[in-house]
Amino acid sequence: MSEMTRGKRKHTATLEVQLLREGIVESSHHVRAVVSDHRGRVLSMAGNGTENTFIRSALKPFQALAVTTTGTLERYNLNDRDLAIICSSHQGTIKQARQVFSILWHCEVDPSQLQCPIPPGKQSPLEHNCSGKHAGMLAVCQQRNWPLESYLQRNHPVQTLILSKVAELLGMPAAEFIGARDDCGAPTYLMELDQIAYLYAQLASGSSVDMERIVRAMTHHPNMVAGEGHFDTELMRLTEGELVSKAGSEGIQCIGRVGEGMGLAIKVGDGAKRAKRAAAIHLLRQMGWISPEIAETLAETYMSLGSFKRLEVVGELTML
């Protein structure tokens, strides 16, 4: 990882998220976390920050660079709500599905071109949580006159473009990335956790007009990024533009401190969603990225699991 620098310590104690039933530990999850700045310096960590994991849907704001850097937004008169849904893992509500449809309508692409699956119990791929990302890829293909039917293939120009943007941000050759299919069929990539934190530090730094627009879209329209009651949406709503947040499946949670050029990446070893949210609240409180009042509000929703159960996080980030 040529562009990143690290402290002397490569391994520190992991965090442990415990499920307490009336104060007695019933289950536990082990969590790794890394904080990086926009220069690639690892500031603090818990666990092994160089261990690989798939970035999953936390890649979406960077996949959206294909849209912001090609003139696609301007060509089809797409707005920040469109860009927010392109970065989203949405819930398939009517408003969210309509926003995806609007993107395709503006660029004259039929919704049948979407190759994300139809979710169980739903009627259309527009309702899939990755449909915004797919619509963005199709919009770029339409703008560049690239084939639509093969847009998910790793050697397709739109996927090559996306990978080149990520590779440039990390300062490493695109050929070195290991890719695999995400559940929606699009490529995702294996990265070290400190690389993921570095990506989010750059996203939040304000040093790039294109990434700054992505952050603005996500923080101004958080209801498009996830949905009512979901962690990314609620965190961005409560912090009013100070934090940009994007989750990924299998225990990935990423947060950038807007304007400060710092990024936090979290990975839960067993992939538990409840643990990544609890760890995020705990670490954001530790670092002072959220106020005690916001931490308490989030904890009431995501760490208090009923009358008899709650989550508790044991451990801290180690400064490097």
C-alpha atoms as a PDB file:
ATOM      1  CA  MET A   1       0.000   0.000   0.000  1.00  0.00           C
ATOM      2  CA  SER A   2       2.439   2.581  -1.266  1.00  0.00           C
ATOM      3  CA  GLU A   3       0.590   5.762  -0.373  1.00  0.00           C
ATOM      4  CA  MET A   4      -0.252   4.835   3.220  1.00  0.00           C
ATOM      5  CA  THR A   5       1.868   5.181   6.312  1.00  0.00           C
ATOM      6  CA  ARG A   6       1.272   3.377   9.550  1.00  0.00           C
ATOM      7  CA  GLY A   7       2.367   3.634  13.145  1.00  0.00           C
ATOM      8  CA  LYS A   8       4.765   1.092  14.605  1.00  0.00           C
ATOM      9  CA  ARG A   9       2.002  -1.041  16.099  1.00  0.00           C
ATOM     10  CA  LYS A  10       0.284  -3.270  13.543  1.00  0.00           C
ATOM     11  CA  HIS A  11      -1.900  -5.230  15.972  1.00  0.00           C
ATOM     12  CA  THR A  12      -3.867  -3.966  18.961  1.00  0.00           C
ATOM     13  CA  ALA A  13      -6.705  -5.415  21.017  1.00  0.00           C
ATOM     14  CA  THR A  14      -9.996  -5.780  19.180  1.00  0.00           C
ATOM     15  CA  LEU A  15     -13.248  -4.315  20.442  1.00  0.00           C
ATOM     16  CA  GLU A  16     -15.829  -6.668  21.870  1.00  0.00           C
ATOM     17  CA  VAL A  17     -19.537  -6.000  21.499  1.00  0.00           C
ATOM     18  CA  GLN A  18     -21.440  -7.907  24.149  1.00  0.00           C
ATOM     19  CA  LEU A  19     -25.120  -8.710  24.232  1.00  0.00           C
ATOM     20  CA  LEU A  20     -26.219  -8.443  27.858  1.00  0.00           C
ATOM     21  CA  ARG A  21     -29.426 -10.071  29.073  1.00  0.00           C
ATOM     22  CA  GLU A  22     -30.319  -8.432  32.359  1.00  0.00           C
ATOM     23  CA  GLY A  23     -26.644  -7.554  32.752  1.00  0.00           C
ATOM     24  CA  ILE A  24     -25.279 -11.032  32.007  1.00  0.00           C
ATOM     25  CA  VAL A  25     -23.199 -11.630  28.848  1.00  0.00           C
ATOM     26  CA  GLU A  26     -25.078 -13.926  26.469  1.00  0.00           C
ATOM     27  CA  SER A  27     -23.262 -13.373  23.161  1.00  0.00           C
ATOM     28  CA  SER A  28     -20.280 -11.414  21.872  1.00  0.00           C
ATOM     29  CA  HIS A  29     -18.818 -10.097  18.629  1.00  0.00           C
ATOM     30  CA  HIS A  30     -15.215  -9.098  17.910  1.00  0.00           C
ATOM     31  CA  VAL A  31     -14.683  -5.896  15.956  1.00  0.00           C
ATOM     32  CA  ARG A  32     -11.745  -4.304  14.141  1.00  0.00           C
ATOM     33  CA  ALA A  33     -11.593  -0.565  13.451  1.00  0.00           C
ATOM     34  CA  VAL A  34      -9.176   1.921  11.862  1.00  0.00           C
ATOM     35  CA  VAL A  35      -9.078   5.712  11.778  1.00  0.00           C
ATOM     36  CA  SER A  36      -7.066   7.318   8.961  1.00  0.00           C
ATOM     37  CA  ASP A  37      -6.464  10.865   7.805  1.00  0.00           C
ATOM     38  CA  HIS A  38      -6.618  12.060   4.213  1.00  0.00           C
ATOM     39  CA  ARG A  39      -2.842  11.700   3.826  1.00  0.00           C
ATOM     40  CA  GLY A  40      -3.077   7.988   4.515  1.00  0.00           C
ATOM     41  CA  ARG A  41      -1.721   8.120   8.052  1.00  0.00           C
ATOM     42  CA  VAL A  42      -3.314   5.604  10.405  1.00  0.00           C
ATOM     43  CA  LEU A  43      -4.166   7.566  13.539  1.00  0.00           C
ATOM     44  CA  SER A  44      -5.677   4.843  15.705  1.00  0.00           C
ATOM     45  CA  MET A  45      -6.890   1.289  15.481  1.00  0.00           C
ATOM     46  CA  ALA A  46      -8.433  -1.679  17.239  1.00  0.00           C
ATOM     47  CA  GLY A  47      -7.373  -5.122  16.078  1.00  0.00           C
ATOM     48  CA  ASN A  48      -5.455  -5.786  12.870  1.00  0.00           C
ATOM     49  CA  GLY A  49      -5.922  -2.880  10.490  1.00  0.00           C
ATOM     50  CA  THR A  50      -4.147  -4.589   7.602  1.00  0.00           C
ATOM     51  CA  GLU A  51      -6.411  -7.636   7.459  1.00  0.00           C
ATOM     52  CA  ASN A  52      -8.372  -7.899   4.205  1.00  0.00           C
ATOM     53  CA  THR A  53     -12.141  -7.684   3.867  1.00  0.00           C
ATOM     54  CA  PHE A  54     -14.575  -6.967   1.067  1.00  0.00           C
ATOM     55  CA  ILE A  55     -15.695  -3.337   1.118  1.00  0.00           C
ATOM     56  CA  ARG A  56     -19.179  -4.352  -0.065  1.00  0.00           C
ATOM     57  CA  SER A  57     -21.708  -1.492  -0.350  1.00  0.00           C
ATOM     58  CA  ALA A  58     -19.389   0.986   1.374  1.00  0.00           C
ATOM     59  CA  LEU A  59     -17.833   1.213  -2.105  1.00  0.00           C
ATOM     60  CA  LYS A  60     -20.915   2.978  -3.504  1.00  0.00           C
ATOM     61  CA  PRO A  61     -19.813   6.609  -2.984  1.00  0.00           C
ATOM     62  CA  PHE A  62     -16.666   5.783  -4.960  1.00  0.00           C
ATOM     63  CA  GLN A  63     -18.562   3.911  -7.666  1.00  0.00           C
ATOM     64  CA  ALA A  64     -20.549   7.149  -7.981  1.00  0.00           C
ATOM     65  CA  LEU A  65     -17.348   8.905  -9.113  1.00  0.00           C
ATOM     66  CA  ALA A  66     -18.041   7.377 -12.535  1.00  0.00           C
ATOM     67  CA  VAL A  67     -21.142   9.577 -12.621  1.00  0.00           C
ATOM     68  CA  THR A  68     -19.664  12.794 -11.218  1.00  0.00           C
ATOM     69  CA  THR A  69     -16.441  12.778 -13.260  1.00  0.00           C
ATOM     70  CA  THR A  70     -17.864  12.064 -16.725  1.00  0.00           C
ATOM     71  CA  GLY A  71     -20.383  14.872 -17.140  1.00  0.00           C
ATOM     72  CA  THR A  72     -23.242  12.389 -16.766  1.00  0.00           C
ATOM     73  CA  LEU A  73     -25.028  14.483 -14.133  1.00  0.00           C
ATOM     74  CA  GLU A  74     -24.971  17.532 -16.377  1.00  0.00           C
ATOM     75  CA  ARG A  75     -25.831  15.641 -19.556  1.00  0.00           C
ATOM     76  CA  TYR A  76     -29.056  14.251 -18.066  1.00  0.00           C
ATOM     77  CA  ASN A  77     -29.822  17.088 -15.637  1.00  0.00           C
ATOM     78  CA  LEU A  78     -29.552  14.808 -12.605  1.00  0.00           C
ATOM     79  CA  ASN A  79     -29.741  16.393  -9.147  1.00  0.00           C
ATOM     80  CA  ASP A  80     -28.403  15.702  -5.659  1.00  0.00           C
ATOM     81  CA  ARG A  81     -31.351  13.437  -4.798  1.00  0.00           C
ATOM     82  CA  ASP A  82     -30.418  11.322  -7.817  1.00  0.00           C
ATOM     83  CA  LEU A  83     -26.790  11.234  -6.702  1.00  0.00           C
ATOM     84  CA  ALA A  84     -27.813  10.261  -3.162  1.00  0.00           C
ATOM     85  CA  ILE A  85     -29.846   7.276  -4.399  1.00  0.00           C
ATOM     86  CA  ILE A  86     -26.901   6.260  -6.617  1.00  0.00           C
ATOM     87  CA  CYS A  87     -24.807   6.031  -3.406  1.00  0.00           C
ATOM     88  CA  SER A  88     -27.538   4.241  -1.463  1.00  0.00           C
ATOM     89  CA  SER A  89     -28.456   0.912  -0.014  1.00  0.00           C
ATOM     90  CA  HIS A  90     -32.116   1.884   0.088  1.00  0.00           C
ATOM     91  CA  GLN A  91     -35.183   0.061   1.367  1.00  0.00           C
ATOM     92  CA  GLY A  92     -37.171  -0.053  -1.866  1.00  0.00           C
ATOM     93  CA  THR A  93     -39.847   2.390  -0.724  1.00  0.00           C
ATOM     94  CA  ILE A  94     -42.073   3.997  -3.326  1.00  0.00           C
ATOM     95  CA  LYS A  95     -40.165   7.297  -3.106  1.00  0.00           C
ATOM     96  CA  GLN A  96     -36.801   5.575  -3.422  1.00  0.00           C
ATOM     97  CA  ALA A  97     -37.852   3.362  -6.336  1.00  0.00           C
ATOM     98  CA  ARG A  98     -39.326   6.402  -8.088  1.00  0.00           C
ATOM     99  CA  GLN A  99     -36.045   8.248  -7.658  1.00  0.00           C
ATOM    100  CA  VAL A 100     -34.200   5.405  -9.384  1.00  0.00           C
ATOM    101  CA  PHE A 101     -36.810   5.347 -12.151  1.00  0.00           C
ATOM    102  CA  SER A 102     -36.331   9.099 -12.604  1.00  0.00           C
ATOM    103  CA  ILE A 103     -32.615   8.609 -13.296  1.00  0.00           C
ATOM    104  CA  LEU A 104     -33.342   6.007 -15.967  1.00  0.00           C
ATOM    105  CA  TRP A 105     -36.127   8.126 -17.468  1.00  0.00           C
ATOM    106  CA  HIS A 106     -33.857  11.154 -17.775  1.00  0.00           C
ATOM    107  CA  CYS A 107     -31.181   9.159 -19.595  1.00  0.00           C
ATOM    108  CA  GLU A 108     -33.709   7.201 -21.693  1.00  0.00           C
ATOM    109  CA  VAL A 109     -32.811   3.766 -20.369  1.00  0.00           C
ATOM    110  CA  ASP A 110     -35.593   1.246 -19.862  1.00  0.00           C
ATOM    111  CA  PRO A 111     -35.813  -0.180 -16.310  1.00  0.00           C
ATOM    112  CA  SER A 112     -35.622  -3.663 -17.849  1.00  0.00           C
ATOM    113  CA  GLN A 113     -31.900  -2.979 -18.360  1.00  0.00           C
ATOM    114  CA  LEU A 114     -31.337  -3.137 -14.586  1.00  0.00           C
ATOM    115  CA  GLN A 115     -29.527  -6.382 -13.793  1.00  0.00           C
ATOM    116  CA  CYS A 116     -29.902  -6.287 -10.001  1.00  0.00           C
ATOM    117  CA  PRO A 117     -32.298  -8.962  -8.730  1.00  0.00           C
ATOM    118  CA  ILE A 118     -35.955  -8.465  -7.894  1.00  0.00           C
ATOM    119  CA  PRO A 119     -36.089  -8.679  -4.073  1.00  0.00           C
ATOM    120  CA  PRO A 120     -38.312 -11.376  -2.543  1.00  0.00           C
ATOM    121  CA  GLY A 121     -41.879 -10.158  -2.292  1.00  0.00           C
ATOM    122  CA  LYS A 122     -41.233  -7.176  -4.573  1.00  0.00           C
ATOM    123  CA  GLN A 123     -42.322  -6.462  -8.133  1.00  0.00           C
ATOM    124  CA  SER A 124     -39.341  -4.797  -9.802  1.00  0.00           C
ATOM    125  CA  PRO A 125     -35.536  -4.518  -9.707  1.00  0.00           C
ATOM    126  CA  LEU A 126     -36.159  -0.811  -9.026  1.00  0.00           C
ATOM    127  CA  GLU A 127     -36.947  -1.926  -5.465  1.00  0.00           C
ATOM    128  CA  HIS A 128     -33.593  -3.658  -4.961  1.00  0.00           C
ATOM    129  CA  ASN A 129     -31.372  -1.849  -2.475  1.00  0.00           C
ATOM    130  CA  CYS A 130     -28.612  -1.461  -5.081  1.00  0.00           C
ATOM    131  CA  SER A 131     -30.823  -0.234  -7.935  1.00  0.00           C
ATOM    132  CA  GLY A 132     -29.559   3.347  -7.589  1.00  0.00           C
ATOM    133  CA  LYS A 133     -25.966   2.239  -8.063  1.00  0.00           C
ATOM    134  CA  HIS A 134     -26.969   0.205 -11.116  1.00  0.00           C
ATOM    135  CA  ALA A 135     -28.936   3.135 -12.552  1.00  0.00           C
ATOM    136  CA  GLY A 136     -25.857   5.329 -12.171  1.00  0.00           C
ATOM    137  CA  MET A 137     -23.722   2.803 -14.040  1.00  0.00           C
ATOM    138  CA  LEU A 138     -26.303   2.600 -16.830  1.00  0.00           C
ATOM    139  CA  ALA A 139     -26.460   6.401 -17.043  1.00  0.00           C
ATOM    140  CA  VAL A 140     -22.696   6.571 -17.566  1.00  0.00           C
ATOM    141  CA  CYS A 141     -22.917   3.841 -20.214  1.00  0.00           C
ATOM    142  CA  GLN A 142     -25.649   5.747 -22.043  1.00  0.00           C
ATOM    143  CA  GLN A 143     -23.676   8.987 -21.885  1.00  0.00           C
ATOM    144  CA  ARG A 144     -20.520   7.319 -23.219  1.00  0.00           C
ATOM    145  CA  ASN A 145     -22.296   5.072 -25.763  1.00  0.00           C
ATOM    146  CA  TRP A 146     -21.013   1.973 -23.984  1.00  0.00           C
ATOM    147  CA  PRO A 147     -22.924  -1.329 -24.148  1.00  0.00           C
ATOM    148  CA  LEU A 148     -25.782  -1.538 -21.638  1.00  0.00           C
ATOM    149  CA  GLU A 149     -26.318  -5.282 -21.569  1.00  0.00           C
ATOM    150  CA  SER A 150     -22.839  -6.118 -20.214  1.00  0.00           C
ATOM    151  CA  TYR A 151     -22.378  -3.254 -17.736  1.00  0.00           C
ATOM    152  CA  LEU A 152     -21.724  -5.613 -14.789  1.00  0.00           C
ATOM    153  CA  GLN A 153     -18.808  -7.444 -16.398  1.00  0.00           C
ATOM    154  CA  ARG A 154     -15.481  -6.620 -14.768  1.00  0.00           C
ATOM    155  CA  ASN A 155     -13.866  -5.761 -18.094  1.00  0.00           C
ATOM    156  CA  HIS A 156     -16.710  -3.426 -19.111  1.00  0.00           C
ATOM    157  CA  PRO A 157     -15.551   0.199 -19.551  1.00  0.00           C
ATOM    158  CA  VAL A 158     -17.758   1.483 -16.712  1.00  0.00           C
ATOM    159  CA  GLN A 159     -16.293  -1.064 -14.262  1.00  0.00           C
ATOM    160  CA  THR A 160     -12.781  -0.316 -15.496  1.00  0.00           C
ATOM    161  CA  LEU A 161     -13.448   3.386 -14.951  1.00  0.00           C
ATOM    162  CA  ILE A 162     -14.711   2.803 -11.400  1.00  0.00           C
ATOM    163  CA  LEU A 163     -11.735   0.659 -10.494  1.00  0.00           C
ATOM    164  CA  SER A 164      -9.332   3.240 -11.922  1.00  0.00           C
ATOM    165  CA  LYS A 165     -10.854   5.914  -9.675  1.00  0.00           C
ATOM    166  CA  VAL A 166     -10.460   3.740  -6.563  1.00  0.00           C
ATOM    167  CA  ALA A 167      -6.938   2.715  -7.568  1.00  0.00           C
ATOM    168  CA  GLU A 168      -5.957   6.352  -8.052  1.00  0.00           C
ATOM    169  CA  LEU A 169      -7.261   7.279  -4.599  1.00  0.00           C
ATOM    170  CA  LEU A 170      -5.288   4.456  -2.982  1.00  0.00           C
ATOM    171  CA  GLY A 171      -2.159   5.022  -5.071  1.00  0.00           C
ATOM    172  CA  MET A 172      -1.885   1.466  -6.321  1.00  0.00           C
ATOM    173  CA  PRO A 173      -2.248  -0.259  -9.707  1.00  0.00           C
ATOM    174  CA  ALA A 174      -5.759  -1.351 -10.649  1.00  0.00           C
ATOM    175  CA  ALA A 175      -4.384  -4.757 -11.641  1.00  0.00           C
ATOM    176  CA  GLU A 176      -3.502  -5.491  -8.000  1.00  0.00           C
ATOM    177  CA  PHE A 177      -7.111  -5.424  -6.792  1.00  0.00           C
ATOM    178  CA  ILE A 178      -8.884  -8.692  -6.069  1.00  0.00           C
ATOM    179  CA  GLY A 179     -12.541  -8.497  -7.083  1.00  0.00           C
ATOM    180  CA  ALA A 180     -15.617 -10.638  -6.570  1.00  0.00           C
ATOM    181  CA  ARG A 181     -19.319 -10.351  -7.351  1.00  0.00           C
ATOM    182  CA  ASP A 182     -21.417  -8.582  -4.734  1.00  0.00           C
ATOM    183  CA  ASP A 183     -24.914  -9.957  -4.103  1.00  0.00           C
ATOM    184  CA  CYS A 184     -26.370  -7.542  -6.666  1.00  0.00           C
ATOM    185  CA  GLY A 185     -23.999  -8.806  -9.384  1.00  0.00           C
ATOM    186  CA  ALA A 186     -21.688  -5.774  -9.521  1.00  0.00           C
ATOM    187  CA  PRO A 187     -17.987  -6.097  -8.671  1.00  0.00           C
ATOM    188  CA  THR A 188     -16.763  -5.378  -5.168  1.00  0.00           C
ATOM    189  CA  TYR A 189     -13.150  -5.469  -4.006  1.00  0.00           C
ATOM    190  CA  LEU A 190     -10.995  -6.972  -1.273  1.00  0.00           C
ATOM    191  CA  MET A 191      -9.146  -4.276   0.692  1.00  0.00           C
ATOM    192  CA  GLU A 192      -7.242  -3.816   3.902  1.00  0.00           C
ATOM    193  CA  LEU A 193      -9.358  -2.087   6.536  1.00  0.00           C
ATOM    194  CA  ASP A 194      -6.899   0.819   6.709  1.00  0.00           C
ATOM    195  CA  GLN A 195      -7.322   1.323   2.961  1.00  0.00           C
ATOM    196  CA  ILE A 196     -11.075   1.606   3.438  1.00  0.00           C
ATOM    197  CA  ALA A 197     -10.592   4.147   6.236  1.00  0.00           C
ATOM    198  CA  TYR A 198      -8.245   6.094   3.935  1.00  0.00           C
ATOM    199  CA  LEU A 199     -10.898   6.179   1.189  1.00  0.00           C
ATOM    200  CA  TYR A 200     -13.417   7.670   3.603  1.00  0.00           C
ATOM    201  CA  ALA A 201     -10.886  10.189   4.890  1.00  0.00           C
ATOM    202  CA  GLN A 202     -10.412  11.398   1.320  1.00  0.00           C
ATOM    203  CA  LEU A 203     -14.148  11.410   0.673  1.00  0.00           C
ATOM    204  CA  ALA A 204     -14.666  13.670   3.690  1.00  0.00           C
ATOM    205  CA  SER A 205     -11.658  15.924   3.119  1.00  0.00           C
ATOM    206  CA  GLY A 206     -13.261  18.374   0.682  1.00  0.00           C
ATOM    207  CA  SER A 207     -10.178  18.223  -1.543  1.00  0.00           C
ATOM    208  CA  SER A 208     -12.085  16.969  -4.581  1.00  0.00           C
ATOM    209  CA  VAL A 209     -15.053  18.764  -6.139  1.00  0.00           C
ATOM    210  CA  ASP A 210     -16.507  15.461  -7.304  1.00  0.00           C
ATOM    211  CA  MET A 211     -16.300  13.806  -3.894  1.00  0.00           C
ATOM    212  CA  GLU A 212     -17.513  16.969  -2.205  1.00  0.00           C
ATOM    213  CA  ARG A 213     -20.658  16.830  -4.331  1.00  0.00           C
ATOM    214  CA  ILE A 214     -21.188  13.168  -3.397  1.00  0.00           C
ATOM    215  CA  VAL A 215     -20.882  14.030   0.306  1.00  0.00           C
ATOM    216  CA  ARG A 216     -23.282  16.947  -0.074  1.00  0.00           C
ATOM    217  CA  ALA A 217     -25.837  14.762  -1.813  1.00  0.00           C
ATOM    218  CA  MET A 218     -25.631  12.059   0.853  1.00  0.00           C
ATOM    219  CA  THR A 219     -25.739  14.412   3.842  1.00  0.00           C
ATOM    220  CA  HIS A 220     -28.481  16.649   2.412  1.00  0.00           C
ATOM    221  CA  HIS A 221     -30.672  13.686   1.421  1.00  0.00           C
ATOM    222  CA  PRO A 222     -29.923  11.026   4.048  1.00  0.00           C
ATOM    223  CA  ASN A 223     -33.385   9.473   3.649  1.00  0.00           C
ATOM    224  CA  MET A 224     -32.333   8.393   0.148  1.00  0.00           C
ATOM    225  CA  VAL A 225     -29.078   6.770   1.333  1.00  0.00           C
ATOM    226  CA  ALA A 226     -30.748   4.181   3.576  1.00  0.00           C
ATOM    227  CA  GLY A 227     -34.196   5.015   4.916  1.00  0.00           C
ATOM    228  CA  GLU A 228     -36.205   6.089   7.924  1.00  0.00           C
ATOM    229  CA  GLY A 229     -34.902   4.424  11.082  1.00  0.00           C
ATOM    230  CA  HIS A 230     -31.734   3.068   9.454  1.00  0.00           C
ATOM    231  CA  PHE A 231     -28.329   3.882  10.909  1.00  0.00           C
ATOM    232  CA  ASP A 232     -26.725   5.784   8.016  1.00  0.00           C
ATOM    233  CA  THR A 233     -29.787   7.971   7.572  1.00  0.00           C
ATOM    234  CA  GLU A 234     -30.239   8.704  11.267  1.00  0.00           C
ATOM    235  CA  LEU A 235     -26.550   9.422  11.910  1.00  0.00           C
ATOM    236  CA  MET A 236     -26.316  11.874   8.992  1.00  0.00           C
ATOM    237  CA  ARG A 237     -29.613  13.501   9.928  1.00  0.00           C
ATOM    238  CA  LEU A 238     -28.598  14.001  13.568  1.00  0.00           C
ATOM    239  CA  THR A 239     -25.121  15.345  12.732  1.00  0.00           C
ATOM    240  CA  GLU A 240     -26.443  17.746  10.073  1.00  0.00           C
ATOM    241  CA  GLY A 241     -23.671  17.355   7.517  1.00  0.00           C
ATOM    242  CA  GLU A 242     -20.756  16.842   9.897  1.00  0.00           C
ATOM    243  CA  LEU A 243     -20.510  13.097   9.204  1.00  0.00           C
ATOM    244  CA  VAL A 244     -21.007  11.057   6.031  1.00  0.00           C
ATOM    245  CA  SER A 245     -21.934   7.433   6.685  1.00  0.00           C
ATOM    246  CA  LYS A 246     -22.247   4.310   4.554  1.00  0.00           C
ATOM    247  CA  ALA A 247     -22.720   0.749   5.660  1.00  0.00           C
ATOM    248  CA  GLY A 248     -21.882  -2.467   3.868  1.00  0.00           C
ATOM    249  CA  SER A 249     -23.051  -6.017   4.415  1.00  0.00           C
ATOM    250  CA  GLU A 250     -21.174  -8.515   6.587  1.00  0.00           C
ATOM    251  CA  GLY A 251     -20.324  -6.054   9.335  1.00  0.00           C
ATOM    252  CA  ILE A 252     -18.871  -3.125   7.367  1.00  0.00           C
ATOM    253  CA  GLN A 253     -19.519   0.427   8.574  1.00  0.00           C
ATOM    254  CA  CYS A 254     -17.670   3.484   7.276  1.00  0.00           C
ATOM    255  CA  ILE A 255     -17.873   7.108   8.413  1.00  0.00           C
ATOM    256  CA  GLY A 256     -16.060  10.247   7.305  1.00  0.00           C
ATOM    257  CA  ARG A 257     -15.703  13.448   9.323  1.00  0.00           C
ATOM    258  CA  VAL A 258     -16.626  16.082   6.763  1.00  0.00           C
ATOM    259  CA  GLY A 259     -14.115  18.885   6.288  1.00  0.00           C
ATOM    260  CA  GLU A 260     -11.674  17.272   8.722  1.00  0.00           C
ATOM    261  CA  GLY A 261     -10.294  14.662   6.333  1.00  0.00           C
ATOM    262  CA  MET A 262     -10.640  11.719   8.707  1.00  0.00           C
ATOM    263  CA  GLY A 263     -12.216   8.347   8.017  1.00  0.00           C
ATOM    264  CA  LEU A 264     -13.353   5.494  10.253  1.00  0.00           C
ATOM    265  CA  ALA A 265     -13.739   1.929   8.952  1.00  0.00           C
ATOM    266  CA  ILE A 266     -15.283  -0.847  11.056  1.00  0.00           C
ATOM    267  CA  LYS A 267     -15.442  -4.593  10.397  1.00  0.00           C
ATOM    268  CA  VAL A 268     -17.305  -7.063  12.603  1.00  0.00           C
ATOM    269  CA  GLY A 269     -15.681 -10.490  12.437  1.00  0.00           C
ATOM    270  CA  ASP A 270     -18.931 -12.452  12.278  1.00  0.00           C
ATOM    271  CA  GLY A 271     -20.725  -9.890  10.099  1.00  0.00           C
ATOM    272  CA  ALA A 272     -23.353  -8.886  12.683  1.00  0.00           C
ATOM    273  CA  LYS A 273     -25.216  -5.690  11.823  1.00  0.00           C
ATOM    274  CA  ARG A 274     -26.097  -4.944  15.434  1.00  0.00           C
ATOM    275  CA  ALA A 275     -22.431  -5.046  16.445  1.00  0.00           C
ATOM    276  CA  LYS A 276     -21.183  -2.608  13.811  1.00  0.00           C
ATOM    277  CA  ARG A 277     -23.766  -0.012  14.819  1.00  0.00           C
ATOM    278  CA  ALA A 278     -22.941  -0.385  18.519  1.00  0.00           C
ATOM    279  CA  ALA A 279     -19.206  -0.153  17.776  1.00  0.00           C
ATOM    280  CA  ALA A 280     -19.725   2.939  15.633  1.00  0.00           C
ATOM    281  CA  ILE A 281     -21.664   4.745  18.358  1.00  0.00           C
ATOM    282  CA  HIS A 282     -19.031   3.802  20.939  1.00  0.00           C
ATOM    283  CA  LEU A 283     -16.110   4.983  18.780  1.00  0.00           C
ATOM    284  CA  LEU A 284     -17.768   8.172  17.572  1.00  0.00           C
ATOM    285  CA  ARG A 285     -18.421   9.070  21.193  1.00  0.00           C
ATOM    286  CA  GLN A 286     -14.824   8.214  22.156  1.00  0.00           C
ATOM    287  CA  MET A 287     -13.387  10.394  19.383  1.00  0.00           C
ATOM    288  CA  GLY A 288     -15.759  13.295  20.023  1.00  0.00           C
ATOM    289  CA  TRP A 289     -17.254  13.103  16.542  1.00  0.00           C
ATOM    290  CA  ILE A 290     -20.748  13.144  18.038  1.00  0.00           C
ATOM    291  CA  SER A 291     -22.109  14.891  21.118  1.00  0.00           C
ATOM    292  CA  PRO A 292     -23.164  12.934  24.218  1.00  0.00           C
ATOM    293  CA  GLU A 293     -26.772  13.812  23.378  1.00  0.00           C
ATOM    294  CA  ILE A 294     -26.551  12.354  19.863  1.00  0.00           C
ATOM    295  CA  ALA A 295     -24.725   9.298  21.216  1.00  0.00           C
ATOM    296  CA  GLU A 296     -27.531   8.734  23.714  1.00  0.00           C
ATOM    297  CA  THR A 297     -30.210   9.122  21.038  1.00  0.00           C
ATOM    298  CA  LEU A 298     -28.482   6.600  18.790  1.00  0.00           C
ATOM    299  CA  ALA A 299     -27.839   4.215  21.682  1.00  0.00           C
ATOM    300  CA  GLU A 300     -31.525   4.210  22.607  1.00  0.00           C
ATOM    301  CA  THR A 301     -32.354   3.031  19.088  1.00  0.00           C
ATOM    302  CA  TYR A 302     -29.478   0.700  18.228  1.00  0.00           C
ATOM    303  CA  MET A 303     -28.030  -0.539  21.532  1.00  0.00           C
ATOM    304  CA  SER A 304     -31.137  -0.982  23.645  1.00  0.00           C
ATOM    305  CA  LEU A 305     -32.776  -4.132  22.277  1.00  0.00           C
ATOM    306  CA  GLY A 306     -35.823  -4.330  24.490  1.00  0.00           C
ATOM    307  CA  SER A 307     -36.745  -4.509  28.139  1.00  0.00           C
ATOM    308  CA  PHE A 308     -34.181  -7.189  29.006  1.00  0.00           C
ATOM    309  CA  LYS A 309     -31.380  -6.882  26.439  1.00  0.00           C
ATOM    310  CA  ARG A 310     -28.800  -4.282  25.535  1.00  0.00           C
ATOM    311  CA  LEU A 311     -25.471  -4.038  23.757  1.00  0.00           C
ATOM    312  CA  GLU A 312     -22.278  -2.907  25.424  1.00  0.00           C
ATOM    313  CA  VAL A 313     -18.886  -2.266  23.812  1.00  0.00           C
ATOM    314  CA  VAL A 314     -15.694  -3.213  25.640  1.00  0.00           C
ATOM    315  CA  GLY A 315     -12.396  -1.684  24.516  1.00  0.00           C
ATOM    316  CA  GLU A 316     -11.085   1.502  22.931  1.00  0.00           C
ATOM    317  CA  LEU A 317      -9.141   2.621  19.913  1.00  0.00           C
ATOM    318  CA  THR A 318      -5.378   2.618  20.440  1.00  0.00           C
ATOM    319  CA  MET A 319      -3.670   5.820  19.326  1.00  0.00           C
ATOM    320  CA  LEU A 320      -0.636   5.237  17.096  1.00  0.00           C
END
